[in-house]
Amino acid sequence: MSIRPLADRVVIQRIQAEEKTASGIVLASSAIEKPDLGVVISVGKGKRENGELQPMSVAVGDKVLMGRYSGQLVKVDGVELLVMREDDIFAVLE
């Protein structure tokens, strides 16, 4: 798969939510919430401010926390990905 986001955009693949509860109950697909965790697949070069390129604070492979409804959903090679601005990412999990 090859996708290169522009400016300060980031491509993220959601980490799939658990289909079972801690007690072992299997959840219906309609009851599973959208996960708010993802893995960064690709990052842009950064945005320009006052003529200077500002570096991105996330890198490929980072696990990130984002809003459940953030970004634009796209399909690339049959895989669902989210494209969003770096500002829509809340935190990097370490």
PDB file of N, CA and C in Angstrom:
ATOM      1  N   MET A   1       0.844  -1.164   0.000  1.00  0.00           N
ATOM      2  CA  MET A   1       0.000   0.000   0.000  1.00  0.00           C
ATOM      3  C   MET A   1       0.892   1.230   0.000  1.00  0.00           C
ATOM      4  N   SER A   2       0.539   2.211  -0.804  1.00  0.00           N
ATOM      5  CA  SER A   2       1.331   3.425  -0.878  1.00  0.00           C
ATOM      6  C   SER A   2       0.399   4.636  -0.857  1.00  0.00           C
ATOM      7  N   ILE A   3       0.486   5.415   0.205  1.00  0.00           N
ATOM      8  CA  ILE A   3      -0.305   6.635   0.318  1.00  0.00           C
ATOM      9  C   ILE A   3       0.559   7.668   1.018  1.00  0.00           C
ATOM     10  N   ARG A   4       0.612   8.862   0.449  1.00  0.00           N
ATOM     11  CA  ARG A   4       1.434   9.933   1.016  1.00  0.00           C
ATOM     12  C   ARG A   4       0.545  11.136   1.283  1.00  0.00           C
ATOM     13  N   PRO A   5       0.276  11.424   2.550  1.00  0.00           N
ATOM     14  CA  PRO A   5      -0.564  12.581   2.867  1.00  0.00           C
ATOM     15  C   PRO A   5       0.200  13.883   2.651  1.00  0.00           C
ATOM     16  N   LEU A   6      -0.542  14.946   2.414  1.00  0.00           N
ATOM     17  CA  LEU A   6       0.051  16.246   2.171  1.00  0.00           C
ATOM     18  C   LEU A   6       0.046  17.103   3.435  1.00  0.00           C
ATOM     19  N   ALA A   7       0.962  18.045   3.498  1.00  0.00           N
ATOM     20  CA  ALA A   7       1.065  19.046   4.568  1.00  0.00           C
ATOM     21  C   ALA A   7       1.060  18.398   5.950  1.00  0.00           C
ATOM     22  N   ASP A   8       0.117  18.796   6.825  1.00  0.00           N
ATOM     23  CA  ASP A   8       0.110  18.293   8.201  1.00  0.00           C
ATOM     24  C   ASP A   8      -0.915  17.180   8.403  1.00  0.00           C
ATOM     25  N   ARG A   9      -1.189  16.438   7.343  1.00  0.00           N
ATOM     26  CA  ARG A   9      -2.150  15.336   7.459  1.00  0.00           C
ATOM     27  C   ARG A   9      -1.434  14.034   7.811  1.00  0.00           C
ATOM     28  N   VAL A  10      -2.202  13.150   8.463  1.00  0.00           N
ATOM     29  CA  VAL A  10      -1.682  11.876   8.946  1.00  0.00           C
ATOM     30  C   VAL A  10      -2.653  10.784   8.512  1.00  0.00           C
ATOM     31  N   VAL A  11      -2.131   9.625   8.104  1.00  0.00           N
ATOM     32  CA  VAL A  11      -2.960   8.474   7.760  1.00  0.00           C
ATOM     33  C   VAL A  11      -2.865   7.484   8.915  1.00  0.00           C
ATOM     34  N   ILE A  12      -4.036   7.078   9.428  1.00  0.00           N
ATOM     35  CA  ILE A  12      -4.095   6.215  10.611  1.00  0.00           C
ATOM     36  C   ILE A  12      -4.961   5.003  10.320  1.00  0.00           C
ATOM     37  N   GLN A  13      -4.532   3.849  10.817  1.00  0.00           N
ATOM     38  CA  GLN A  13      -5.352   2.641  10.762  1.00  0.00           C
ATOM     39  C   GLN A  13      -5.846   2.366  12.168  1.00  0.00           C
ATOM     40  N   ARG A  14      -7.172   2.269  12.318  1.00  0.00           N
ATOM     41  CA  ARG A  14      -7.755   2.021  13.640  1.00  0.00           C
ATOM     42  C   ARG A  14      -7.317   0.660  14.172  1.00  0.00           C
ATOM     43  N   ILE A  15      -7.121   0.597  15.477  1.00  0.00           N
ATOM     44  CA  ILE A  15      -6.885  -0.679  16.156  1.00  0.00           C
ATOM     45  C   ILE A  15      -8.261  -1.235  16.469  1.00  0.00           C
ATOM     46  N   GLN A  16      -8.542  -2.443  16.026  1.00  0.00           N
ATOM     47  CA  GLN A  16      -9.868  -3.022  16.163  1.00  0.00           C
ATOM     48  C   GLN A  16     -10.269  -3.205  17.618  1.00  0.00           C
ATOM     49  N   ALA A  17     -11.534  -2.905  17.903  1.00  0.00           N
ATOM     50  CA  ALA A  17     -12.081  -3.051  19.251  1.00  0.00           C
ATOM     51  C   ALA A  17     -12.294  -4.533  19.575  1.00  0.00           C
ATOM     52  N   GLU A  18     -12.277  -4.820  20.842  1.00  0.00           N
ATOM     53  CA  GLU A  18     -12.517  -6.193  21.294  1.00  0.00           C
ATOM     54  C   GLU A  18     -13.967  -6.584  21.004  1.00  0.00           C
ATOM     55  N   GLU A  19     -14.174  -7.825  20.598  1.00  0.00           N
ATOM     56  CA  GLU A  19     -15.521  -8.314  20.327  1.00  0.00           C
ATOM     57  C   GLU A  19     -16.089  -9.087  21.506  1.00  0.00           C
ATOM     58  N   LYS A  20     -15.305  -9.183  22.595  1.00  0.00           N
ATOM     59  CA  LYS A  20     -15.753  -9.846  23.820  1.00  0.00           C
ATOM     60  C   LYS A  20     -15.533  -8.921  24.994  1.00  0.00           C
ATOM     61  N   THR A  21     -16.390  -9.031  25.980  1.00  0.00           N
ATOM     62  CA  THR A  21     -16.180  -8.274  27.211  1.00  0.00           C
ATOM     63  C   THR A  21     -15.157  -9.019  28.062  1.00  0.00           C
ATOM     64  N   ALA A  22     -14.735  -8.400  29.160  1.00  0.00           N
ATOM     65  CA  ALA A  22     -13.759  -9.030  30.057  1.00  0.00           C
ATOM     66  C   ALA A  22     -14.296 -10.332  30.641  1.00  0.00           C
ATOM     67  N   SER A  23     -15.615 -10.430  30.779  1.00  0.00           N
ATOM     68  CA  SER A  23     -16.209 -11.652  31.337  1.00  0.00           C
ATOM     69  C   SER A  23     -16.487 -12.711  30.275  1.00  0.00           C
ATOM     70  N   GLY A  24     -16.180 -12.421  28.993  1.00  0.00           N
ATOM     71  CA  GLY A  24     -16.311 -13.416  27.941  1.00  0.00           C
ATOM     72  C   GLY A  24     -17.586 -13.327  27.120  1.00  0.00           C
ATOM     73  N   ILE A  25     -18.395 -12.312  27.342  1.00  0.00           N
ATOM     74  CA  ILE A  25     -19.633 -12.160  26.573  1.00  0.00           C
ATOM     75  C   ILE A  25     -19.286 -11.620  25.190  1.00  0.00           C
ATOM     76  N   VAL A  26     -19.790 -12.279  24.148  1.00  0.00           N
ATOM     77  CA  VAL A  26     -19.544 -11.854  22.771  1.00  0.00           C
ATOM     78  C   VAL A  26     -20.521 -10.736  22.429  1.00  0.00           C
ATOM     79  N   LEU A  27     -19.980  -9.619  21.932  1.00  0.00           N
ATOM     80  CA  LEU A  27     -20.802  -8.459  21.597  1.00  0.00           C
ATOM     81  C   LEU A  27     -21.276  -8.520  20.150  1.00  0.00           C
ATOM     82  N   ALA A  28     -22.492  -8.038  19.921  1.00  0.00           N
ATOM     83  CA  ALA A  28     -23.018  -7.918  18.559  1.00  0.00           C
ATOM     84  C   ALA A  28     -22.248  -6.805  17.856  1.00  0.00           C
ATOM     85  N   SER A  29     -22.118  -6.905  16.546  1.00  0.00           N
ATOM     86  CA  SER A  29     -21.339  -5.902  15.810  1.00  0.00           C
ATOM     87  C   SER A  29     -21.913  -4.499  15.979  1.00  0.00           C
ATOM     88  N   SER A  30     -23.218  -4.381  16.180  1.00  0.00           N
ATOM     89  CA  SER A  30     -23.822  -3.058  16.367  1.00  0.00           C
ATOM     90  C   SER A  30     -23.512  -2.477  17.746  1.00  0.00           C
ATOM     91  N   ALA A  31     -23.102  -3.308  18.701  1.00  0.00           N
ATOM     92  CA  ALA A  31     -22.809  -2.843  20.056  1.00  0.00           C
ATOM     93  C   ALA A  31     -21.344  -2.457  20.235  1.00  0.00           C
ATOM     94  N   ILE A  32     -20.511  -2.785  19.265  1.00  0.00           N
ATOM     95  CA  ILE A  32     -19.082  -2.483  19.375  1.00  0.00           C
ATOM     96  C   ILE A  32     -18.861  -1.021  19.007  1.00  0.00           C
ATOM     97  N   GLU A  33     -18.239  -0.270  19.914  1.00  0.00           N
ATOM     98  CA  GLU A  33     -17.968   1.141  19.670  1.00  0.00           C
ATOM     99  C   GLU A  33     -16.751   1.293  18.770  1.00  0.00           C
ATOM    100  N   LYS A  34     -16.707   2.422  18.052  1.00  0.00           N
ATOM    101  CA  LYS A  34     -15.536   2.719  17.239  1.00  0.00           C
ATOM    102  C   LYS A  34     -14.350   2.910  18.177  1.00  0.00           C
ATOM    103  N   PRO A  35     -13.233   2.281  17.891  1.00  0.00           N
ATOM    104  CA  PRO A  35     -12.068   2.478  18.754  1.00  0.00           C
ATOM    105  C   PRO A  35     -11.484   3.875  18.572  1.00  0.00           C
ATOM    106  N   ASP A  36     -10.906   4.398  19.636  1.00  0.00           N
ATOM    107  CA  ASP A  36     -10.288   5.713  19.555  1.00  0.00           C
ATOM    108  C   ASP A  36      -8.765   5.613  19.564  1.00  0.00           C
ATOM    109  N   LEU A  37      -8.262   4.405  19.278  1.00  0.00           N
ATOM    110  CA  LEU A  37      -6.823   4.173  19.173  1.00  0.00           C
ATOM    111  C   LEU A  37      -6.488   3.775  17.739  1.00  0.00           C
ATOM    112  N   GLY A  38      -5.302   4.172  17.298  1.00  0.00           N
ATOM    113  CA  GLY A  38      -4.878   3.807  15.960  1.00  0.00           C
ATOM    114  C   GLY A  38      -3.367   3.817  15.843  1.00  0.00           C
ATOM    115  N   VAL A  39      -2.902   3.322  14.713  1.00  0.00           N
ATOM    116  CA  VAL A  39      -1.467   3.286  14.415  1.00  0.00           C
ATOM    117  C   VAL A  39      -1.223   4.177  13.203  1.00  0.00           C
ATOM    118  N   VAL A  40      -0.221   5.031  13.307  1.00  0.00           N
ATOM    119  CA  VAL A  40       0.118   5.943  12.215  1.00  0.00           C
ATOM    120  C   VAL A  40       0.768   5.140  11.082  1.00  0.00           C
ATOM    121  N   ILE A  41       0.188   5.248   9.895  1.00  0.00           N
ATOM    122  CA  ILE A  41       0.671   4.532   8.720  1.00  0.00           C
ATOM    123  C   ILE A  41       1.591   5.426   7.882  1.00  0.00           C
ATOM    124  N   SER A  42       1.239   6.711   7.799  1.00  0.00           N
ATOM    125  CA  SER A  42       2.012   7.640   6.972  1.00  0.00           C
ATOM    126  C   SER A  42       1.786   9.063   7.474  1.00  0.00           C
ATOM    127  N   VAL A  43       2.797   9.917   7.333  1.00  0.00           N
ATOM    128  CA  VAL A  43       2.676  11.315   7.759  1.00  0.00           C
ATOM    129  C   VAL A  43       3.134  12.244   6.636  1.00  0.00           C
ATOM    130  N   GLY A  44       2.546  13.432   6.609  1.00  0.00           N
ATOM    131  CA  GLY A  44       2.948  14.445   5.649  1.00  0.00           C
ATOM    132  C   GLY A  44       4.241  15.114   6.103  1.00  0.00           C
ATOM    133  N   LYS A  45       4.695  16.093   5.336  1.00  0.00           N
ATOM    134  CA  LYS A  45       5.955  16.774   5.650  1.00  0.00           C
ATOM    135  C   LYS A  45       5.794  17.833   6.723  1.00  0.00           C
ATOM    136  N   GLY A  46       4.583  18.236   7.034  1.00  0.00           N
ATOM    137  CA  GLY A  46       4.331  19.279   8.022  1.00  0.00           C
ATOM    138  C   GLY A  46       3.724  20.494   7.360  1.00  0.00           C
ATOM    139  N   LYS A  47       3.219  21.419   8.191  1.00  0.00           N
ATOM    140  CA  LYS A  47       2.613  22.614   7.608  1.00  0.00           C
ATOM    141  C   LYS A  47       3.574  23.783   7.687  1.00  0.00           C
ATOM    142  N   ARG A  48       3.345  24.719   6.799  1.00  0.00           N
ATOM    143  CA  ARG A  48       4.197  25.906   6.739  1.00  0.00           C
ATOM    144  C   ARG A  48       3.575  27.013   7.580  1.00  0.00           C
ATOM    145  N   GLU A  49       4.393  27.591   8.437  1.00  0.00           N
ATOM    146  CA  GLU A  49       3.997  28.758   9.210  1.00  0.00           C
ATOM    147  C   GLU A  49       5.074  29.807   9.045  1.00  0.00           C
ATOM    148  N   ASN A  50       4.682  30.989   8.603  1.00  0.00           N
ATOM    149  CA  ASN A  50       5.621  32.086   8.350  1.00  0.00           C
ATOM    150  C   ASN A  50       6.743  31.669   7.404  1.00  0.00           C
ATOM    151  N   GLY A  51       6.400  30.824   6.418  1.00  0.00           N
ATOM    152  CA  GLY A  51       7.369  30.403   5.422  1.00  0.00           C
ATOM    153  C   GLY A  51       8.280  29.266   5.836  1.00  0.00           C
ATOM    154  N   GLU A  52       8.174  28.810   7.087  1.00  0.00           N
ATOM    155  CA  GLU A  52       9.027  27.721   7.554  1.00  0.00           C
ATOM    156  C   GLU A  52       8.209  26.455   7.762  1.00  0.00           C
ATOM    157  N   LEU A  53       8.803  25.330   7.398  1.00  0.00           N
ATOM    158  CA  LEU A  53       8.144  24.038   7.556  1.00  0.00           C
ATOM    159  C   LEU A  53       8.234  23.593   9.010  1.00  0.00           C
ATOM    160  N   GLN A  54       7.078  23.371   9.636  1.00  0.00           N
ATOM    161  CA  GLN A  54       7.021  22.917  11.026  1.00  0.00           C
ATOM    162  C   GLN A  54       7.057  21.380  11.037  1.00  0.00           C
ATOM    163  N   PRO A  55       7.979  20.773  11.775  1.00  0.00           N
ATOM    164  CA  PRO A  55       8.070  19.304  11.786  1.00  0.00           C
ATOM    165  C   PRO A  55       6.850  18.666  12.445  1.00  0.00           C
ATOM    166  N   MET A  56       6.547  17.454  12.029  1.00  0.00           N
ATOM    167  CA  MET A  56       5.422  16.701  12.599  1.00  0.00           C
ATOM    168  C   MET A  56       5.835  16.114  13.948  1.00  0.00           C
ATOM    169  N   SER A  57       4.868  16.023  14.881  1.00  0.00           N
ATOM    170  CA  SER A  57       5.179  15.452  16.191  1.00  0.00           C
ATOM    171  C   SER A  57       4.858  13.965  16.279  1.00  0.00           C
ATOM    172  N   VAL A  58       4.316  13.385  15.216  1.00  0.00           N
ATOM    173  CA  VAL A  58       4.061  11.944  15.191  1.00  0.00           C
ATOM    174  C   VAL A  58       4.901  11.317  14.093  1.00  0.00           C
ATOM    175  N   ALA A  59       5.160  10.033  14.236  1.00  0.00           N
ATOM    176  CA  ALA A  59       5.956   9.303  13.246  1.00  0.00           C
ATOM    177  C   ALA A  59       5.244   8.005  12.886  1.00  0.00           C
ATOM    178  N   VAL A  60       5.630   7.422  11.781  1.00  0.00           N
ATOM    179  CA  VAL A  60       5.061   6.147  11.341  1.00  0.00           C
ATOM    180  C   VAL A  60       5.301   5.101  12.435  1.00  0.00           C
ATOM    181  N   GLY A  61       4.246   4.365  12.777  1.00  0.00           N
ATOM    182  CA  GLY A  61       4.338   3.322  13.788  1.00  0.00           C
ATOM    183  C   GLY A  61       3.880   3.760  15.167  1.00  0.00           C
ATOM    184  N   ASP A  62       3.690   5.067  15.390  1.00  0.00           N
ATOM    185  CA  ASP A  62       3.211   5.555  16.691  1.00  0.00           C
ATOM    186  C   ASP A  62       1.780   5.097  16.926  1.00  0.00           C
ATOM    187  N   LYS A  63       1.469   4.701  18.175  1.00  0.00           N
ATOM    188  CA  LYS A  63       0.094   4.435  18.587  1.00  0.00           C
ATOM    189  C   LYS A  63      -0.460   5.753  19.099  1.00  0.00           C
ATOM    190  N   VAL A  64      -1.614   6.157  18.574  1.00  0.00           N
ATOM    191  CA  VAL A  64      -2.163   7.459  18.922  1.00  0.00           C
ATOM    192  C   VAL A  64      -3.593   7.354  19.440  1.00  0.00           C
ATOM    193  N   LEU A  65      -3.968   8.344  20.222  1.00  0.00           N
ATOM    194  CA  LEU A  65      -5.320   8.490  20.747  1.00  0.00           C
ATOM    195  C   LEU A  65      -5.971   9.622  19.970  1.00  0.00           C
ATOM    196  N   MET A  66      -7.168   9.376  19.436  1.00  0.00           N
ATOM    197  CA  MET A  66      -7.846  10.363  18.592  1.00  0.00           C
ATOM    198  C   MET A  66      -9.322  10.369  18.922  1.00  0.00           C
ATOM    199  N   GLY A  67     -10.039  11.343  18.411  1.00  0.00           N
ATOM    200  CA  GLY A  67     -11.483  11.392  18.592  1.00  0.00           C
ATOM    201  C   GLY A  67     -12.156  10.262  17.824  1.00  0.00           C
ATOM    202  N   ARG A  68     -13.238   9.747  18.361  1.00  0.00           N
ATOM    203  CA  ARG A  68     -13.925   8.623  17.704  1.00  0.00           C
ATOM    204  C   ARG A  68     -14.443   8.978  16.318  1.00  0.00           C
ATOM    205  N   TYR A  69     -14.791  10.237  16.126  1.00  0.00           N
ATOM    206  CA  TYR A  69     -15.380  10.644  14.853  1.00  0.00           C
ATOM    207  C   TYR A  69     -14.460  11.588  14.082  1.00  0.00           C
ATOM    208  N   SER A  70     -13.174  11.566  14.393  1.00  0.00           N
ATOM    209  CA  SER A  70     -12.200  12.425  13.725  1.00  0.00           C
ATOM    210  C   SER A  70     -11.808  11.858  12.373  1.00  0.00           C
ATOM    211  N   GLY A  71     -11.408  12.745  11.482  1.00  0.00           N
ATOM    212  CA  GLY A  71     -10.828  12.329  10.216  1.00  0.00           C
ATOM    213  C   GLY A  71     -11.835  11.926   9.152  1.00  0.00           C
ATOM    214  N   GLN A  72     -11.298  11.677   7.984  1.00  0.00           N
ATOM    215  CA  GLN A  72     -12.075  11.245   6.824  1.00  0.00           C
ATOM    216  C   GLN A  72     -11.754   9.790   6.528  1.00  0.00           C
ATOM    217  N   LEU A  73     -12.764   8.947   6.468  1.00  0.00           N
ATOM    218  CA  LEU A  73     -12.579   7.524   6.190  1.00  0.00           C
ATOM    219  C   LEU A  73     -12.341   7.312   4.703  1.00  0.00           C
ATOM    220  N   VAL A  74     -11.269   6.592   4.360  1.00  0.00           N
ATOM    221  CA  VAL A  74     -10.958   6.252   2.974  1.00  0.00           C
ATOM    222  C   VAL A  74     -10.603   4.765   2.913  1.00  0.00           C
ATOM    223  N   LYS A  75     -10.767   4.167   1.730  1.00  0.00           N
ATOM    224  CA  LYS A  75     -10.359   2.774   1.520  1.00  0.00           C
ATOM    225  C   LYS A  75      -9.223   2.764   0.517  1.00  0.00           C
ATOM    226  N   VAL A  76      -8.120   2.116   0.910  1.00  0.00           N
ATOM    227  CA  VAL A  76      -6.968   1.971   0.029  1.00  0.00           C
ATOM    228  C   VAL A  76      -6.613   0.497   0.000  1.00  0.00           C
ATOM    229  N   ASP A  77      -6.628  -0.107  -1.170  1.00  0.00           N
ATOM    230  CA  ASP A  77      -6.361  -1.542  -1.333  1.00  0.00           C
ATOM    231  C   ASP A  77      -7.241  -2.388  -0.425  1.00  0.00           C
ATOM    232  N   GLY A  78      -8.509  -1.976  -0.233  1.00  0.00           N
ATOM    233  CA  GLY A  78      -9.457  -2.728   0.575  1.00  0.00           C
ATOM    234  C   GLY A  78      -9.308  -2.537   2.077  1.00  0.00           C
ATOM    235  N   VAL A  79      -8.413  -1.661   2.507  1.00  0.00           N
ATOM    236  CA  VAL A  79      -8.185  -1.414   3.933  1.00  0.00           C
ATOM    237  C   VAL A  79      -8.768  -0.047   4.282  1.00  0.00           C
ATOM    238  N   GLU A  80      -9.562   0.012   5.376  1.00  0.00           N
ATOM    239  CA  GLU A  80     -10.133   1.285   5.808  1.00  0.00           C
ATOM    240  C   GLU A  80      -9.103   2.069   6.605  1.00  0.00           C
ATOM    241  N   LEU A  81      -8.870   3.309   6.184  1.00  0.00           N
ATOM    242  CA  LEU A  81      -7.904   4.184   6.836  1.00  0.00           C
ATOM    243  C   LEU A  81      -8.571   5.517   7.147  1.00  0.00           C
ATOM    244  N   LEU A  82      -7.998   6.244   8.076  1.00  0.00           N
ATOM    245  CA  LEU A  82      -8.468   7.586   8.400  1.00  0.00           C
ATOM    246  C   LEU A  82      -7.397   8.581   7.989  1.00  0.00           C
ATOM    247  N   VAL A  83      -7.812   9.668   7.355  1.00  0.00           N
ATOM    248  CA  VAL A  83      -6.904  10.756   7.030  1.00  0.00           C
ATOM    249  C   VAL A  83      -7.362  11.951   7.858  1.00  0.00           C
ATOM    250  N   MET A  84      -6.453  12.498   8.659  1.00  0.00           N
ATOM    251  CA  MET A  84      -6.810  13.629   9.511  1.00  0.00           C
ATOM    252  C   MET A  84      -5.633  14.561   9.683  1.00  0.00           C
ATOM    253  N   ARG A  85      -5.918  15.742  10.168  1.00  0.00           N
ATOM    254  CA  ARG A  85      -4.862  16.696  10.484  1.00  0.00           C
ATOM    255  C   ARG A  85      -4.190  16.289  11.778  1.00  0.00           C
ATOM    256  N   GLU A  86      -2.937  16.640  11.908  1.00  0.00           N
ATOM    257  CA  GLU A  86      -2.183  16.316  13.115  1.00  0.00           C
ATOM    258  C   GLU A  86      -2.862  16.902  14.355  1.00  0.00           C
ATOM    259  N   ASP A  87      -3.510  18.038  14.211  1.00  0.00           N
ATOM    260  CA  ASP A  87      -4.197  18.690  15.336  1.00  0.00           C
ATOM    261  C   ASP A  87      -5.353  17.843  15.888  1.00  0.00           C
ATOM    262  N   ASP A  88      -5.881  16.899  15.096  1.00  0.00           N
ATOM    263  CA  ASP A  88      -6.987  16.054  15.546  1.00  0.00           C
ATOM    264  C   ASP A  88      -6.518  14.891  16.419  1.00  0.00           C
ATOM    265  N   ILE A  89      -5.225  14.707  16.533  1.00  0.00           N
ATOM    266  CA  ILE A  89      -4.669  13.634  17.378  1.00  0.00           C
ATOM    267  C   ILE A  89      -4.475  14.197  18.788  1.00  0.00           C
ATOM    268  N   PHE A  90      -4.993  13.477  19.777  1.00  0.00           N
ATOM    269  CA  PHE A  90      -4.926  13.949  21.171  1.00  0.00           C
ATOM    270  C   PHE A  90      -3.596  13.632  21.835  1.00  0.00           C
ATOM    271  N   ALA A  91      -3.072  12.417  21.602  1.00  0.00           N
ATOM    272  CA  ALA A  91      -1.868  12.000  22.322  1.00  0.00           C
ATOM    273  C   ALA A  91      -1.200  10.837  21.603  1.00  0.00           C
ATOM    274  N   VAL A  92       0.093  10.638  21.914  1.00  0.00           N
ATOM    275  CA  VAL A  92       0.848   9.482  21.448  1.00  0.00           C
ATOM    276  C   VAL A  92       1.050   8.574  22.644  1.00  0.00           C
ATOM    277  N   LEU A  93       0.696   7.305  22.509  1.00  0.00           N
ATOM    278  CA  LEU A  93       0.874   6.337  23.611  1.00  0.00           C
ATOM    279  C   LEU A  93       2.294   5.803  23.588  1.00  0.00           C
ATOM    280  N   GLU A  94       2.925   5.812  24.742  1.00  0.00           N
ATOM    281  CA  GLU A  94       4.313   5.345  24.827  1.00  0.00           C
ATOM    282  C   GLU A  94       4.417   4.131  25.722  1.00  0.00           C
TER     283      GLU A  94
END
